[in-house]
Amino acid sequence: MKEVGLGWVRMGLESGNQRVLNYMRKGTTVEQNYGAVEICHKLGLQVIVNYMLGLPTETKEEILDTLRMIQVTHPEQRSAAFYTPIPGTDMWEDCKRRGLFVSDDPTVLGTRSITDQPRLKGIDYAWVQTQMYGRLYRQRHGARKILNRQEMEPVRRVLNRVLPRIVH
């Protein structure tokens, strides 16, 4: 695949917990998720993974399973989303039956962005964000802090001159 120009693969792993994958009716196993990323890396492909947090009935331990999967598989990019119920789906009906909606107005649900307002009752969105950013993005933020130090000004100047040439 790489020989014909494929460099990246985006995959929707969604969860690192089998009960949650089954609830979503994803049709995959946690082992398949791990294996798919491993195969791509062995083929020299870079991987972008999508995952979803804050599903109905998802426990904190199940969320941690997903975050551990992301840490272990080392994807080159991660794309997180909070679960957003979609009207007309079985999961929407399940949320409705359980009384989980924060509002009867579907427009309140917003987008799948990890920073949007809560969608469902019983999900500790602040805890989820803290876990996600603390576990998965600490390295990126650490590098940014180093580059923002005053003594790194010469490095920033060089990067600002060189990177535009590389990108274009």
C-alpha atoms as a PDB file:
ATOM      1  CA  MET A   1       0.000   0.000   0.000  1.00  0.00           C
ATOM      2  CA  LYS A   2       2.791   2.373   0.856  1.00  0.00           C
ATOM      3  CA  GLU A   3       4.398   1.758  -2.554  1.00  0.00           C
ATOM      4  CA  VAL A   4       1.315   3.175  -4.292  1.00  0.00           C
ATOM      5  CA  GLY A   5       1.387   6.338  -2.225  1.00  0.00           C
ATOM      6  CA  LEU A   6      -0.718   5.526   0.837  1.00  0.00           C
ATOM      7  CA  GLY A   7       0.890   7.167   3.826  1.00  0.00           C
ATOM      8  CA  TRP A   8      -1.918   7.582   6.366  1.00  0.00           C
ATOM      9  CA  VAL A   9      -4.803   5.460   7.560  1.00  0.00           C
ATOM     10  CA  ARG A  10      -7.688   6.893   9.600  1.00  0.00           C
ATOM     11  CA  MET A  11      -9.643   4.390  11.641  1.00  0.00           C
ATOM     12  CA  GLY A  12     -12.561   4.675  14.005  1.00  0.00           C
ATOM     13  CA  LEU A  13     -11.474   2.565  16.952  1.00  0.00           C
ATOM     14  CA  GLU A  14     -14.123   4.305  19.095  1.00  0.00           C
ATOM     15  CA  SER A  15     -13.414   2.407  22.339  1.00  0.00           C
ATOM     16  CA  GLY A  16     -10.836   0.256  24.077  1.00  0.00           C
ATOM     17  CA  ASN A  17     -13.535  -1.593  26.010  1.00  0.00           C
ATOM     18  CA  GLN A  18     -15.432  -4.564  24.606  1.00  0.00           C
ATOM     19  CA  ARG A  19     -18.688  -3.890  26.466  1.00  0.00           C
ATOM     20  CA  VAL A  20     -18.792  -0.373  25.010  1.00  0.00           C
ATOM     21  CA  LEU A  21     -17.987  -1.633  21.492  1.00  0.00           C
ATOM     22  CA  ASN A  22     -20.814  -4.158  21.847  1.00  0.00           C
ATOM     23  CA  TYR A  23     -23.209  -1.456  23.101  1.00  0.00           C
ATOM     24  CA  MET A  24     -22.364   0.585  20.004  1.00  0.00           C
ATOM     25  CA  ARG A  25     -22.779  -2.515  17.836  1.00  0.00           C
ATOM     26  CA  LYS A  26     -19.401  -1.609  16.313  1.00  0.00           C
ATOM     27  CA  GLY A  27     -18.796  -5.135  15.021  1.00  0.00           C
ATOM     28  CA  THR A  28     -15.146  -5.203  16.093  1.00  0.00           C
ATOM     29  CA  THR A  29     -13.194  -6.370  19.102  1.00  0.00           C
ATOM     30  CA  VAL A  30     -10.657  -4.563  21.237  1.00  0.00           C
ATOM     31  CA  GLU A  31      -8.060  -7.066  19.996  1.00  0.00           C
ATOM     32  CA  GLN A  32      -8.885  -6.167  16.385  1.00  0.00           C
ATOM     33  CA  ASN A  33      -8.409  -2.475  17.243  1.00  0.00           C
ATOM     34  CA  TYR A  34      -4.945  -3.129  18.659  1.00  0.00           C
ATOM     35  CA  GLY A  35      -4.074  -5.431  15.766  1.00  0.00           C
ATOM     36  CA  ALA A  36      -5.204  -2.992  13.063  1.00  0.00           C
ATOM     37  CA  VAL A  37      -2.946  -0.227  14.369  1.00  0.00           C
ATOM     38  CA  GLU A  38      -0.047  -2.655  14.764  1.00  0.00           C
ATOM     39  CA  ILE A  39      -0.410  -3.919  11.181  1.00  0.00           C
ATOM     40  CA  CYS A  40      -0.471  -0.370   9.810  1.00  0.00           C
ATOM     41  CA  HIS A  41       2.659   0.552  11.742  1.00  0.00           C
ATOM     42  CA  LYS A  42       4.451  -2.613  10.529  1.00  0.00           C
ATOM     43  CA  LEU A  43       3.577  -1.577   6.970  1.00  0.00           C
ATOM     44  CA  GLY A  44       5.134   1.834   7.604  1.00  0.00           C
ATOM     45  CA  LEU A  45       1.816   3.666   7.569  1.00  0.00           C
ATOM     46  CA  GLN A  46       0.964   6.493   9.908  1.00  0.00           C
ATOM     47  CA  VAL A  47      -2.282   6.114  11.832  1.00  0.00           C
ATOM     48  CA  ILE A  48      -4.965   8.585  12.843  1.00  0.00           C
ATOM     49  CA  VAL A  49      -7.436   7.114  15.317  1.00  0.00           C
ATOM     50  CA  ASN A  50     -10.898   8.371  16.149  1.00  0.00           C
ATOM     51  CA  TYR A  51     -12.331   7.501  19.519  1.00  0.00           C
ATOM     52  CA  MET A  52     -15.495   8.395  21.361  1.00  0.00           C
ATOM     53  CA  LEU A  53     -15.981   9.089  25.052  1.00  0.00           C
ATOM     54  CA  GLY A  54     -19.037   9.753  27.180  1.00  0.00           C
ATOM     55  CA  LEU A  55     -21.352   7.066  25.837  1.00  0.00           C
ATOM     56  CA  PRO A  56     -24.478   6.156  27.793  1.00  0.00           C
ATOM     57  CA  THR A  57     -23.654   3.755  30.656  1.00  0.00           C
ATOM     58  CA  GLU A  58     -19.882   4.109  30.025  1.00  0.00           C
ATOM     59  CA  THR A  59     -17.993   3.913  33.316  1.00  0.00           C
ATOM     60  CA  LYS A  60     -14.818   5.744  34.259  1.00  0.00           C
ATOM     61  CA  GLU A  61     -12.890   2.469  34.089  1.00  0.00           C
ATOM     62  CA  GLU A  62     -14.178   1.851  30.566  1.00  0.00           C
ATOM     63  CA  ILE A  63     -13.079   5.362  29.552  1.00  0.00           C
ATOM     64  CA  LEU A  64      -9.643   4.609  31.006  1.00  0.00           C
ATOM     65  CA  ASP A  65      -9.548   1.396  28.924  1.00  0.00           C
ATOM     66  CA  THR A  66      -9.945   3.550  25.810  1.00  0.00           C
ATOM     67  CA  LEU A  67      -7.274   6.021  26.879  1.00  0.00           C
ATOM     68  CA  ARG A  68      -4.887   3.137  27.700  1.00  0.00           C
ATOM     69  CA  MET A  69      -5.491   1.686  24.221  1.00  0.00           C
ATOM     70  CA  ILE A  70      -4.552   5.026  22.657  1.00  0.00           C
ATOM     71  CA  GLN A  71      -1.403   5.225  24.801  1.00  0.00           C
ATOM     72  CA  VAL A  72      -0.325   1.677  23.971  1.00  0.00           C
ATOM     73  CA  THR A  73      -0.967   1.826  20.212  1.00  0.00           C
ATOM     74  CA  HIS A  74       0.886   5.157  19.735  1.00  0.00           C
ATOM     75  CA  PRO A  75      -1.120   6.568  16.825  1.00  0.00           C
ATOM     76  CA  GLU A  76       0.479   9.523  15.088  1.00  0.00           C
ATOM     77  CA  GLN A  77      -2.718  11.538  15.557  1.00  0.00           C
ATOM     78  CA  ARG A  78      -5.713  11.173  17.845  1.00  0.00           C
ATOM     79  CA  SER A  79      -9.174  12.566  17.300  1.00  0.00           C
ATOM     80  CA  ALA A  80     -11.492  12.498  20.290  1.00  0.00           C
ATOM     81  CA  ALA A  81     -15.211  13.157  20.331  1.00  0.00           C
ATOM     82  CA  PHE A  82     -17.873  13.127  22.978  1.00  0.00           C
ATOM     83  CA  TYR A  83     -20.749  10.860  22.082  1.00  0.00           C
ATOM     84  CA  THR A  84     -23.597  12.861  20.540  1.00  0.00           C
ATOM     85  CA  PRO A  85     -26.951  11.088  20.240  1.00  0.00           C
ATOM     86  CA  ILE A  86     -28.383  11.235  16.724  1.00  0.00           C
ATOM     87  CA  PRO A  87     -32.173  11.508  16.486  1.00  0.00           C
ATOM     88  CA  GLY A  88     -33.822   8.434  15.034  1.00  0.00           C
ATOM     89  CA  THR A  89     -31.088   5.962  16.020  1.00  0.00           C
ATOM     90  CA  ASP A  90     -31.423   3.106  18.486  1.00  0.00           C
ATOM     91  CA  MET A  91     -28.918   4.775  20.789  1.00  0.00           C
ATOM     92  CA  TRP A  92     -30.992   8.005  20.728  1.00  0.00           C
ATOM     93  CA  GLU A  93     -34.018   5.973  21.761  1.00  0.00           C
ATOM     94  CA  ASP A  94     -32.006   4.252  24.507  1.00  0.00           C
ATOM     95  CA  CYS A  95     -30.888   7.635  25.885  1.00  0.00           C
ATOM     96  CA  LYS A  96     -34.467   8.885  25.733  1.00  0.00           C
ATOM     97  CA  ARG A  97     -35.803   5.773  27.491  1.00  0.00           C
ATOM     98  CA  ARG A  98     -33.184   6.145  30.253  1.00  0.00           C
ATOM     99  CA  GLY A  99     -33.922   9.886  30.664  1.00  0.00           C
ATOM    100  CA  LEU A 100     -30.312  10.848  29.952  1.00  0.00           C
ATOM    101  CA  PHE A 101     -30.800  13.980  27.827  1.00  0.00           C
ATOM    102  CA  VAL A 102     -29.803  17.275  29.445  1.00  0.00           C
ATOM    103  CA  SER A 103     -32.533  18.956  27.383  1.00  0.00           C
ATOM    104  CA  ASP A 104     -35.509  18.008  25.215  1.00  0.00           C
ATOM    105  CA  ASP A 105     -34.170  20.388  22.554  1.00  0.00           C
ATOM    106  CA  PRO A 106     -31.907  18.421  20.141  1.00  0.00           C
ATOM    107  CA  THR A 107     -30.037  21.612  19.187  1.00  0.00           C
ATOM    108  CA  VAL A 108     -28.605  21.724  22.720  1.00  0.00           C
ATOM    109  CA  LEU A 109     -26.624  18.603  21.910  1.00  0.00           C
ATOM    110  CA  GLY A 110     -24.189  20.607  19.796  1.00  0.00           C
ATOM    111  CA  THR A 111     -21.377  18.896  17.936  1.00  0.00           C
ATOM    112  CA  ARG A 112     -19.137  15.958  18.784  1.00  0.00           C
ATOM    113  CA  SER A 113     -16.344  18.311  19.871  1.00  0.00           C
ATOM    114  CA  ILE A 114     -14.573  17.226  23.034  1.00  0.00           C
ATOM    115  CA  THR A 115     -14.933  20.756  24.426  1.00  0.00           C
ATOM    116  CA  ASP A 116     -18.642  21.266  23.789  1.00  0.00           C
ATOM    117  CA  GLN A 117     -21.306  21.390  26.453  1.00  0.00           C
ATOM    118  CA  PRO A 118     -22.546  18.201  28.165  1.00  0.00           C
ATOM    119  CA  ARG A 119     -25.086  16.158  26.244  1.00  0.00           C
ATOM    120  CA  LEU A 120     -26.085  13.426  28.666  1.00  0.00           C
ATOM    121  CA  LYS A 121     -26.805  13.248  32.384  1.00  0.00           C
ATOM    122  CA  GLY A 122     -24.479  11.095  34.435  1.00  0.00           C
ATOM    123  CA  ILE A 123     -21.324  11.747  32.405  1.00  0.00           C
ATOM    124  CA  ASP A 124     -18.580  13.612  34.270  1.00  0.00           C
ATOM    125  CA  TYR A 125     -17.375  15.590  31.255  1.00  0.00           C
ATOM    126  CA  ALA A 126     -14.826  17.578  33.271  1.00  0.00           C
ATOM    127  CA  TRP A 127     -13.228  14.357  34.558  1.00  0.00           C
ATOM    128  CA  VAL A 128     -13.143  12.890  31.042  1.00  0.00           C
ATOM    129  CA  GLN A 129     -11.413  15.998  29.670  1.00  0.00           C
ATOM    130  CA  THR A 130      -8.898  15.981  32.520  1.00  0.00           C
ATOM    131  CA  GLN A 131      -8.086  12.312  31.939  1.00  0.00           C
ATOM    132  CA  MET A 132      -7.812  12.711  28.186  1.00  0.00           C
ATOM    133  CA  TYR A 133      -5.687  15.840  28.194  1.00  0.00           C
ATOM    134  CA  GLY A 134      -3.573  14.695  31.124  1.00  0.00           C
ATOM    135  CA  ARG A 135      -2.841  11.241  29.712  1.00  0.00           C
ATOM    136  CA  LEU A 136      -2.666  11.803  25.976  1.00  0.00           C
ATOM    137  CA  TYR A 137      -1.593  15.373  25.433  1.00  0.00           C
ATOM    138  CA  ARG A 138       0.905  15.959  28.239  1.00  0.00           C
ATOM    139  CA  GLN A 139       3.880  15.332  25.928  1.00  0.00           C
ATOM    140  CA  ARG A 140       2.634  17.760  23.260  1.00  0.00           C
ATOM    141  CA  HIS A 141       1.985  20.469  25.831  1.00  0.00           C
ATOM    142  CA  GLY A 142       5.356  19.825  27.448  1.00  0.00           C
ATOM    143  CA  ALA A 143       7.108  20.413  24.115  1.00  0.00           C
ATOM    144  CA  ARG A 144       5.100  23.600  23.586  1.00  0.00           C
ATOM    145  CA  LYS A 145       6.130  24.876  27.046  1.00  0.00           C
ATOM    146  CA  ILE A 146       9.781  24.264  26.211  1.00  0.00           C
ATOM    147  CA  LEU A 147       9.489  26.104  22.884  1.00  0.00           C
ATOM    148  CA  ASN A 148       7.739  29.014  24.594  1.00  0.00           C
ATOM    149  CA  ARG A 149      10.645  29.628  26.941  1.00  0.00           C
ATOM    150  CA  GLN A 150      12.615  32.787  26.274  1.00  0.00           C
ATOM    151  CA  GLU A 151      15.899  30.941  25.679  1.00  0.00           C
ATOM    152  CA  MET A 152      14.231  29.020  22.816  1.00  0.00           C
ATOM    153  CA  GLU A 153      13.798  32.172  20.716  1.00  0.00           C
ATOM    154  CA  PRO A 154      16.688  31.250  18.353  1.00  0.00           C
ATOM    155  CA  VAL A 155      15.131  27.819  17.732  1.00  0.00           C
ATOM    156  CA  ARG A 156      11.728  29.382  17.008  1.00  0.00           C
ATOM    157  CA  ARG A 157      13.305  31.791  14.500  1.00  0.00           C
ATOM    158  CA  VAL A 158      15.009  28.938  12.637  1.00  0.00           C
ATOM    159  CA  LEU A 159      11.822  26.871  12.612  1.00  0.00           C
ATOM    160  CA  ASN A 160       9.829  29.827  11.289  1.00  0.00           C
ATOM    161  CA  ARG A 161      12.308  30.190   8.403  1.00  0.00           C
ATOM    162  CA  VAL A 162      12.705  26.489   7.576  1.00  0.00           C
ATOM    163  CA  LEU A 163       9.206  25.049   8.039  1.00  0.00           C
ATOM    164  CA  PRO A 164       7.481  27.093   5.305  1.00  0.00           C
ATOM    165  CA  ARG A 165      10.039  25.789   2.784  1.00  0.00           C
ATOM    166  CA  ILE A 166       9.442  22.189   3.862  1.00  0.00           C
ATOM    167  CA  VAL A 167       5.636  22.458   3.814  1.00  0.00           C
ATOM    168  CA  HIS A 168       5.435  24.071   0.331  1.00  0.00           C
END
